Amino acid sequence: ALKMGLIADISEAAARQHTPKVAFVAAPQDYVSSSG
């Protein structure tokens, strides 16, 4: 959030929980979803 300019100080992140989001990506592989 700090690097994106969404907050001016790291302490401000606690009051801004909705944004930004964090996500992680990977190439396709087989898995079983939460419903089975």
PDB file of all heavy atoms in Angstrom:
ATOM      1  N   ALA A   1       0.834  -1.207   0.000  1.00  0.00           N
ATOM      2  CA  ALA A   1       0.000   0.000   0.000  1.00  0.00           C
ATOM      3  C   ALA A   1       0.864   1.250   0.000  1.00  0.00           C
ATOM      4  O   ALA A   1       0.571   2.231  -0.698  1.00  0.00           O
ATOM      5  CB  ALA A   1      -0.920  -0.008   1.223  1.00  0.00           C
ATOM      6  N   LEU A   2       1.943   1.207   0.756  1.00  0.00           N
ATOM      7  CA  LEU A   2       2.860   2.350   0.815  1.00  0.00           C
ATOM      8  C   LEU A   2       3.516   2.573  -0.547  1.00  0.00           C
ATOM      9  O   LEU A   2       3.595   3.707  -1.034  1.00  0.00           O
ATOM     10  CB  LEU A   2       3.913   2.095   1.895  1.00  0.00           C
ATOM     11  CG  LEU A   2       4.829   3.257   2.272  1.00  0.00           C
ATOM     12  CD1 LEU A   2       4.032   4.402   2.886  1.00  0.00           C
ATOM     13  CD2 LEU A   2       5.904   2.777   3.262  1.00  0.00           C
ATOM     14  N   LYS A   3       3.963   1.495  -1.181  1.00  0.00           N
ATOM     15  CA  LYS A   3       4.631   1.622  -2.481  1.00  0.00           C
ATOM     16  C   LYS A   3       3.664   2.090  -3.574  1.00  0.00           C
ATOM     17  O   LYS A   3       4.050   2.785  -4.517  1.00  0.00           O
ATOM     18  CB  LYS A   3       5.268   0.285  -2.878  1.00  0.00           C
ATOM     19  CG  LYS A   3       6.295   0.404  -4.021  1.00  0.00           C
ATOM     20  CD  LYS A   3       7.047  -0.893  -4.213  1.00  0.00           C
ATOM     21  CE  LYS A   3       8.128  -0.781  -5.280  1.00  0.00           C
ATOM     22  NZ  LYS A   3       9.285   0.034  -4.843  1.00  0.00           N
ATOM     23  N   MET A   4       2.378   1.720  -3.418  1.00  0.00           N
ATOM     24  CA  MET A   4       1.371   2.136  -4.392  1.00  0.00           C
ATOM     25  C   MET A   4       0.890   3.561  -4.173  1.00  0.00           C
ATOM     26  O   MET A   4       0.120   4.097  -4.983  1.00  0.00           O
ATOM     27  CB  MET A   4       0.167   1.177  -4.349  1.00  0.00           C
ATOM     28  CG  MET A   4       0.488  -0.235  -4.784  1.00  0.00           C
ATOM     29  SD  MET A   4      -0.933  -1.352  -4.653  1.00  0.00           S
ATOM     30  CE  MET A   4      -1.812  -0.974  -6.173  1.00  0.00           C
ATOM     31  N   GLY A   5       1.303   4.173  -3.066  1.00  0.00           N
ATOM     32  CA  GLY A   5       0.876   5.537  -2.768  1.00  0.00           C
ATOM     33  C   GLY A   5      -0.512   5.631  -2.175  1.00  0.00           C
ATOM     34  O   GLY A   5      -1.093   6.722  -2.107  1.00  0.00           O
ATOM     35  N   LEU A   6      -1.055   4.503  -1.703  1.00  0.00           N
ATOM     36  CA  LEU A   6      -2.387   4.504  -1.107  1.00  0.00           C
ATOM     37  C   LEU A   6      -2.365   5.024   0.324  1.00  0.00           C
ATOM     38  O   LEU A   6      -3.379   5.495   0.835  1.00  0.00           O
ATOM     39  CB  LEU A   6      -2.982   3.095  -1.138  1.00  0.00           C
ATOM     40  CG  LEU A   6      -3.181   2.502  -2.535  1.00  0.00           C
ATOM     41  CD1 LEU A   6      -3.590   1.037  -2.442  1.00  0.00           C
ATOM     42  CD2 LEU A   6      -4.224   3.294  -3.307  1.00  0.00           C
ATOM     43  N   ILE A   7      -1.228   4.898   0.985  1.00  0.00           N
ATOM     44  CA  ILE A   7      -1.044   5.441   2.330  1.00  0.00           C
ATOM     45  C   ILE A   7       0.282   6.191   2.354  1.00  0.00           C
ATOM     46  O   ILE A   7       1.173   5.937   1.536  1.00  0.00           O
ATOM     47  CB  ILE A   7      -1.057   4.328   3.407  1.00  0.00           C
ATOM     48  CG1 ILE A   7       0.025   3.278   3.134  1.00  0.00           C
ATOM     49  CG2 ILE A   7      -2.429   3.674   3.504  1.00  0.00           C
ATOM     50  CD1 ILE A   7       0.154   2.209   4.207  1.00  0.00           C
ATOM     51  N   ALA A   8       0.389   7.131   3.284  1.00  0.00           N
ATOM     52  CA  ALA A   8       1.615   7.928   3.395  1.00  0.00           C
ATOM     53  C   ALA A   8       2.552   7.380   4.454  1.00  0.00           C
ATOM     54  O   ALA A   8       3.749   7.664   4.454  1.00  0.00           O
ATOM     55  CB  ALA A   8       1.266   9.383   3.711  1.00  0.00           C
ATOM     56  N   ASP A   9       1.997   6.593   5.377  1.00  0.00           N
ATOM     57  CA  ASP A   9       2.791   6.022   6.465  1.00  0.00           C
ATOM     58  C   ASP A   9       2.298   4.604   6.731  1.00  0.00           C
ATOM     59  O   ASP A   9       1.096   4.321   6.634  1.00  0.00           O
ATOM     60  CB  ASP A   9       2.652   6.876   7.741  1.00  0.00           C
ATOM     61  CG  ASP A   9       3.565   6.384   8.851  1.00  0.00           C
ATOM     62  OD1 ASP A   9       4.737   6.801   8.898  1.00  0.00           O
ATOM     63  OD2 ASP A   9       3.098   5.566   9.667  1.00  0.00           O
ATOM     64  N   ILE A  10       3.214   3.716   7.074  1.00  0.00           N
ATOM     65  CA  ILE A  10       2.884   2.301   7.247  1.00  0.00           C
ATOM     66  C   ILE A  10       1.804   2.095   8.306  1.00  0.00           C
ATOM     67  O   ILE A  10       1.000   1.151   8.235  1.00  0.00           O
ATOM     68  CB  ILE A  10       4.166   1.494   7.576  1.00  0.00           C
ATOM     69  CG1 ILE A  10       3.983   0.025   7.172  1.00  0.00           C
ATOM     70  CG2 ILE A  10       4.572   1.630   9.022  1.00  0.00           C
ATOM     71  CD1 ILE A  10       4.001  -0.190   5.692  1.00  0.00           C
ATOM     72  N   SER A  11       1.712   2.990   9.276  1.00  0.00           N
ATOM     73  CA  SER A  11       0.734   2.855  10.358  1.00  0.00           C
ATOM     74  C   SER A  11      -0.702   3.030   9.863  1.00  0.00           C
ATOM     75  O   SER A  11      -1.652   2.605  10.532  1.00  0.00           O
ATOM     76  CB  SER A  11       1.021   3.886  11.454  1.00  0.00           C
ATOM     77  OG  SER A  11       0.882   5.207  10.942  1.00  0.00           O
ATOM     78  N   GLU A  12      -0.880   3.643   8.694  1.00  0.00           N
ATOM     79  CA  GLU A  12      -2.220   3.912   8.185  1.00  0.00           C
ATOM     80  C   GLU A  12      -2.893   2.658   7.629  1.00  0.00           C
ATOM     81  O   GLU A  12      -4.111   2.634   7.427  1.00  0.00           O
ATOM     82  CB  GLU A  12      -2.164   4.982   7.090  1.00  0.00           C
ATOM     83  CG  GLU A  12      -1.664   6.341   7.566  1.00  0.00           C
ATOM     84  CD  GLU A  12      -1.441   7.303   6.406  1.00  0.00           C
ATOM     85  OE1 GLU A  12      -2.031   7.076   5.327  1.00  0.00           O
ATOM     86  OE2 GLU A  12      -0.684   8.270   6.570  1.00  0.00           O
ATOM     87  N   ALA A  13      -2.134   1.604   7.374  1.00  0.00           N
ATOM     88  CA  ALA A  13      -2.694   0.394   6.763  1.00  0.00           C
ATOM     89  C   ALA A  13      -3.748  -0.260   7.646  1.00  0.00           C
ATOM     90  O   ALA A  13      -4.721  -0.840   7.142  1.00  0.00           O
ATOM     91  CB  ALA A  13      -1.584  -0.603   6.448  1.00  0.00           C
ATOM     92  N   ALA A  14      -3.593  -0.167   8.953  1.00  0.00           N
ATOM     93  CA  ALA A  14      -4.524  -0.831   9.878  1.00  0.00           C
ATOM     94  C   ALA A  14      -5.941  -0.295   9.743  1.00  0.00           C
ATOM     95  O   ALA A  14      -6.912  -1.025   9.967  1.00  0.00           O
ATOM     96  CB  ALA A  14      -4.032  -0.671  11.312  1.00  0.00           C
ATOM     97  N   ALA A  15      -6.073   0.976   9.377  1.00  0.00           N
ATOM     98  CA  ALA A  15      -7.394   1.585   9.239  1.00  0.00           C
ATOM     99  C   ALA A  15      -7.905   1.517   7.804  1.00  0.00           C
ATOM    100  O   ALA A  15      -8.928   2.113   7.477  1.00  0.00           O
ATOM    101  CB  ALA A  15      -7.353   3.036   9.704  1.00  0.00           C
ATOM    102  N   ARG A  16      -7.179   0.807   6.967  1.00  0.00           N
ATOM    103  CA  ARG A  16      -7.569   0.677   5.555  1.00  0.00           C
ATOM    104  C   ARG A  16      -7.492  -0.797   5.189  1.00  0.00           C
ATOM    105  O   ARG A  16      -6.662  -1.236   4.408  1.00  0.00           O
ATOM    106  CB  ARG A  16      -6.627   1.515   4.685  1.00  0.00           C
ATOM    107  CG  ARG A  16      -7.082   1.641   3.238  1.00  0.00           C
ATOM    108  CD  ARG A  16      -6.008   2.297   2.378  1.00  0.00           C
ATOM    109  NE  ARG A  16      -6.391   2.239   0.996  1.00  0.00           N
ATOM    110  CZ  ARG A  16      -6.775   3.291   0.265  1.00  0.00           C
ATOM    111  NH1 ARG A  16      -6.785   4.489   0.804  1.00  0.00           N
ATOM    112  NH2 ARG A  16      -7.126   3.140  -0.996  1.00  0.00           N
ATOM    113  N   GLN A  17      -8.407  -1.583   5.753  1.00  0.00           N
ATOM    114  CA  GLN A  17      -8.344  -3.033   5.602  1.00  0.00           C
ATOM    115  C   GLN A  17      -8.881  -3.528   4.265  1.00  0.00           C
ATOM    116  O   GLN A  17      -8.491  -4.590   3.783  1.00  0.00           O
ATOM    117  CB  GLN A  17      -9.116  -3.696   6.743  1.00  0.00           C
ATOM    118  CG  GLN A  17      -8.427  -3.599   8.093  1.00  0.00           C
ATOM    119  CD  GLN A  17      -7.175  -4.449   8.159  1.00  0.00           C
ATOM    120  OE1 GLN A  17      -7.218  -5.649   7.957  1.00  0.00           O
ATOM    121  NE2 GLN A  17      -6.053  -3.821   8.444  1.00  0.00           N
ATOM    122  N   HIS A  18      -9.781  -2.789   3.646  1.00  0.00           N
ATOM    123  CA  HIS A  18     -10.430  -3.264   2.420  1.00  0.00           C
ATOM    124  C   HIS A  18      -9.507  -3.169   1.210  1.00  0.00           C
ATOM    125  O   HIS A  18      -9.599  -3.973   0.280  1.00  0.00           O
ATOM    126  CB  HIS A  18     -11.715  -2.470   2.183  1.00  0.00           C
ATOM    127  CG  HIS A  18     -12.531  -2.949   1.021  1.00  0.00           C
ATOM    128  ND1 HIS A  18     -12.933  -4.262   0.885  1.00  0.00           N
ATOM    129  CD2 HIS A  18     -13.033  -2.287  -0.061  1.00  0.00           C
ATOM    130  CE1 HIS A  18     -13.642  -4.388  -0.233  1.00  0.00           C
ATOM    131  NE2 HIS A  18     -13.716  -3.209  -0.822  1.00  0.00           N
ATOM    132  N   THR A  19      -8.632  -2.170   1.214  1.00  0.00           N
ATOM    133  CA  THR A  19      -7.703  -1.985   0.088  1.00  0.00           C
ATOM    134  C   THR A  19      -6.317  -1.656   0.611  1.00  0.00           C
ATOM    135  O   THR A  19      -6.192  -0.999   1.653  1.00  0.00           O
ATOM    136  CB  THR A  19      -8.165  -0.842  -0.847  1.00  0.00           C
ATOM    137  OG1 THR A  19      -8.281   0.370  -0.096  1.00  0.00           O
ATOM    138  CG2 THR A  19      -9.489  -1.176  -1.501  1.00  0.00           C
ATOM    139  N   PRO A  20      -5.272  -2.103  -0.115  1.00  0.00           N
ATOM    140  CA  PRO A  20      -5.306  -2.965  -1.291  1.00  0.00           C
ATOM    141  C   PRO A  20      -5.486  -4.434  -0.907  1.00  0.00           C
ATOM    142  O   PRO A  20      -5.374  -4.797   0.267  1.00  0.00           O
ATOM    143  CB  PRO A  20      -3.920  -2.740  -1.909  1.00  0.00           C
ATOM    144  CG  PRO A  20      -3.036  -2.501  -0.721  1.00  0.00           C
ATOM    145  CD  PRO A  20      -3.884  -1.703   0.237  1.00  0.00           C
ATOM    146  N   LYS A  21      -5.750  -5.254  -1.918  1.00  0.00           N
ATOM    147  CA  LYS A  21      -5.804  -6.695  -1.728  1.00  0.00           C
ATOM    148  C   LYS A  21      -4.426  -7.302  -1.992  1.00  0.00           C
ATOM    149  O   LYS A  21      -3.598  -6.710  -2.683  1.00  0.00           O
ATOM    150  CB  LYS A  21      -6.811  -7.332  -2.692  1.00  0.00           C
ATOM    151  CG  LYS A  21      -8.226  -6.793  -2.593  1.00  0.00           C
ATOM    152  CD  LYS A  21      -8.822  -6.995  -1.206  1.00  0.00           C
ATOM    153  CE  LYS A  21     -10.293  -6.610  -1.189  1.00  0.00           C
ATOM    154  NZ  LYS A  21     -10.840  -6.578   0.194  1.00  0.00           N
ATOM    155  N   VAL A  22      -4.206  -8.489  -1.424  1.00  0.00           N
ATOM    156  CA  VAL A  22      -2.996  -9.263  -1.720  1.00  0.00           C
ATOM    157  C   VAL A  22      -3.434 -10.579  -2.364  1.00  0.00           C
ATOM    158  O   VAL A  22      -4.362 -11.240  -1.873  1.00  0.00           O
ATOM    159  CB  VAL A  22      -2.183  -9.570  -0.447  1.00  0.00           C
ATOM    160  CG1 VAL A  22      -0.962 -10.414  -0.799  1.00  0.00           C
ATOM    161  CG2 VAL A  22      -1.749  -8.296   0.234  1.00  0.00           C
ATOM    162  N   ALA A  23      -2.786 -10.941  -3.458  1.00  0.00           N
ATOM    163  CA  ALA A  23      -3.098 -12.194  -4.136  1.00  0.00           C
ATOM    164  C   ALA A  23      -1.802 -12.849  -4.597  1.00  0.00           C
ATOM    165  O   ALA A  23      -0.795 -12.171  -4.821  1.00  0.00           O
ATOM    166  CB  ALA A  23      -4.018 -11.946  -5.324  1.00  0.00           C
ATOM    167  N   PHE A  24      -1.834 -14.173  -4.735  1.00  0.00           N
ATOM    168  CA  PHE A  24      -0.655 -14.858  -5.272  1.00  0.00           C
ATOM    169  C   PHE A  24      -1.069 -15.806  -6.390  1.00  0.00           C
ATOM    170  O   PHE A  24      -2.172 -16.366  -6.377  1.00  0.00           O
ATOM    171  CB  PHE A  24       0.169 -15.558  -4.188  1.00  0.00           C
ATOM    172  CG  PHE A  24      -0.582 -16.496  -3.272  1.00  0.00           C
ATOM    173  CD1 PHE A  24      -0.622 -17.860  -3.528  1.00  0.00           C
ATOM    174  CD2 PHE A  24      -1.206 -16.020  -2.120  1.00  0.00           C
ATOM    175  CE1 PHE A  24      -1.274 -18.732  -2.678  1.00  0.00           C
ATOM    176  CE2 PHE A  24      -1.864 -16.890  -1.259  1.00  0.00           C
ATOM    177  CZ  PHE A  24      -1.900 -18.251  -1.539  1.00  0.00           C
ATOM    178  N   VAL A  25      -0.169 -15.923  -7.372  1.00  0.00           N
ATOM    179  CA  VAL A  25      -0.497 -16.631  -8.618  1.00  0.00           C
ATOM    180  C   VAL A  25       0.480 -17.767  -8.862  1.00  0.00           C
ATOM    181  O   VAL A  25       1.611 -17.769  -8.374  1.00  0.00           O
ATOM    182  CB  VAL A  25      -0.473 -15.663  -9.824  1.00  0.00           C
ATOM    183  CG1 VAL A  25      -1.504 -14.552  -9.637  1.00  0.00           C
ATOM    184  CG2 VAL A  25       0.914 -15.065 -10.039  1.00  0.00           C
ATOM    185  N   ALA A  26       0.014 -18.739  -9.638  1.00  0.00           N
ATOM    186  CA  ALA A  26       0.850 -19.883 -10.016  1.00  0.00           C
ATOM    187  C   ALA A  26       0.358 -20.431 -11.341  1.00  0.00           C
ATOM    188  O   ALA A  26      -0.791 -20.201 -11.740  1.00  0.00           O
ATOM    189  CB  ALA A  26       0.801 -20.968  -8.938  1.00  0.00           C
ATOM    190  N   ALA A  27       1.227 -21.171 -12.016  1.00  0.00           N
ATOM    191  CA  ALA A  27       0.843 -21.841 -13.251  1.00  0.00           C
ATOM    192  C   ALA A  27      -0.177 -22.942 -12.945  1.00  0.00           C
ATOM    193  O   ALA A  27      -0.279 -23.412 -11.807  1.00  0.00           O
ATOM    194  CB  ALA A  27       2.081 -22.427 -13.929  1.00  0.00           C
ATOM    195  N   PRO A  28      -0.940 -23.377 -13.933  1.00  0.00           N
ATOM    196  CA  PRO A  28      -1.978 -24.386 -13.696  1.00  0.00           C
ATOM    197  C   PRO A  28      -1.419 -25.695 -13.141  1.00  0.00           C
ATOM    198  O   PRO A  28      -0.337 -26.138 -13.527  1.00  0.00           O
ATOM    199  CB  PRO A  28      -2.577 -24.614 -15.088  1.00  0.00           C
ATOM    200  CG  PRO A  28      -2.268 -23.377 -15.846  1.00  0.00           C
ATOM    201  CD  PRO A  28      -0.942 -22.906 -15.323  1.00  0.00           C
ATOM    202  N   GLN A  29      -2.173 -26.286 -12.229  1.00  0.00           N
ATOM    203  CA  GLN A  29      -1.922 -27.649 -11.763  1.00  0.00           C
ATOM    204  C   GLN A  29      -3.218 -28.201 -11.207  1.00  0.00           C
ATOM    205  O   GLN A  29      -4.158 -27.466 -10.909  1.00  0.00           O
ATOM    206  CB  GLN A  29      -0.806 -27.693 -10.719  1.00  0.00           C
ATOM    207  CG  GLN A  29      -1.004 -26.800  -9.521  1.00  0.00           C
ATOM    208  CD  GLN A  29       0.194 -26.851  -8.584  1.00  0.00           C
ATOM    209  OE1 GLN A  29       0.544 -27.897  -8.036  1.00  0.00           O
ATOM    210  NE2 GLN A  29       0.847 -25.710  -8.394  1.00  0.00           N
ATOM    211  N   ASP A  30      -3.291 -29.518 -11.098  1.00  0.00           N
ATOM    212  CA  ASP A  30      -4.496 -30.165 -10.581  1.00  0.00           C
ATOM    213  C   ASP A  30      -4.644 -29.883  -9.089  1.00  0.00           C
ATOM    214  O   ASP A  30      -3.660 -29.835  -8.348  1.00  0.00           O
ATOM    215  CB  ASP A  30      -4.421 -31.678 -10.778  1.00  0.00           C
ATOM    216  CG  ASP A  30      -4.355 -32.089 -12.246  1.00  0.00           C
ATOM    217  OD1 ASP A  30      -4.666 -31.256 -13.112  1.00  0.00           O
ATOM    218  OD2 ASP A  30      -3.976 -33.254 -12.501  1.00  0.00           O
ATOM    219  N   TYR A  31      -5.895 -29.696  -8.655  1.00  0.00           N
ATOM    220  CA  TYR A  31      -6.178 -29.623  -7.214  1.00  0.00           C
ATOM    221  C   TYR A  31      -7.647 -29.952  -6.983  1.00  0.00           C
ATOM    222  O   TYR A  31      -8.434 -30.069  -7.934  1.00  0.00           O
ATOM    223  CB  TYR A  31      -5.822 -28.247  -6.633  1.00  0.00           C
ATOM    224  CG  TYR A  31      -6.701 -27.097  -7.083  1.00  0.00           C
ATOM    225  CD1 TYR A  31      -7.764 -26.639  -6.301  1.00  0.00           C
ATOM    226  CD2 TYR A  31      -6.458 -26.440  -8.286  1.00  0.00           C
ATOM    227  CE1 TYR A  31      -8.550 -25.569  -6.697  1.00  0.00           C
ATOM    228  CE2 TYR A  31      -7.240 -25.372  -8.695  1.00  0.00           C
ATOM    229  CZ  TYR A  31      -8.291 -24.939  -7.896  1.00  0.00           C
ATOM    230  OH  TYR A  31      -9.072 -23.885  -8.302  1.00  0.00           O
ATOM    231  N   VAL A  32      -7.991 -30.118  -5.735  1.00  0.00           N
ATOM    232  CA  VAL A  32      -9.383 -30.388  -5.368  1.00  0.00           C
ATOM    233  C   VAL A  32      -9.928 -29.152  -4.668  1.00  0.00           C
ATOM    234  O   VAL A  32      -9.344 -28.666  -3.697  1.00  0.00           O
ATOM    235  CB  VAL A  32      -9.500 -31.625  -4.460  1.00  0.00           C
ATOM    236  CG1 VAL A  32     -10.947 -31.837  -4.030  1.00  0.00           C
ATOM    237  CG2 VAL A  32      -8.977 -32.861  -5.187  1.00  0.00           C
ATOM    238  N   SER A  33     -11.055 -28.619  -5.163  1.00  0.00           N
ATOM    239  CA  SER A  33     -11.630 -27.402  -4.597  1.00  0.00           C
ATOM    240  C   SER A  33     -12.267 -27.682  -3.244  1.00  0.00           C
ATOM    241  O   SER A  33     -12.401 -28.828  -2.821  1.00  0.00           O
ATOM    242  CB  SER A  33     -12.673 -26.825  -5.553  1.00  0.00           C
ATOM    243  OG  SER A  33     -13.838 -27.636  -5.557  1.00  0.00           O
ATOM    244  N   SER A  34     -12.697 -26.627  -2.576  1.00  0.00           N
ATOM    245  CA  SER A  34     -13.241 -26.752  -1.221  1.00  0.00           C
ATOM    246  C   SER A  34     -14.527 -27.573  -1.176  1.00  0.00           C
ATOM    247  O   SER A  34     -14.876 -28.131  -0.133  1.00  0.00           O
ATOM    248  CB  SER A  34     -13.490 -25.366  -0.628  1.00  0.00           C
ATOM    249  OG  SER A  34     -14.325 -24.607  -1.477  1.00  0.00           O
ATOM    250  N   SER A  35     -15.238 -27.686  -2.303  1.00  0.00           N
ATOM    251  CA  SER A  35     -16.462 -28.482  -2.344  1.00  0.00           C
ATOM    252  C   SER A  35     -16.181 -29.950  -2.644  1.00  0.00           C
ATOM    253  O   SER A  35     -17.097 -30.774  -2.658  1.00  0.00           O
ATOM    254  CB  SER A  35     -17.409 -27.939  -3.416  1.00  0.00           C
ATOM    255  OG  SER A  35     -16.860 -28.138  -4.711  1.00  0.00           O
ATOM    256  N   GLY A  36     -14.908 -30.274  -2.904  1.00  0.00           N
ATOM    257  CA  GLY A  36     -14.538 -31.631  -3.285  1.00  0.00           C
ATOM    258  C   GLY A  36     -14.509 -31.849  -4.783  1.00  0.00           C
ATOM    259  O   GLY A  36     -14.145 -32.932  -5.260  1.00  0.00           O
TER     260      GLY A  36
END
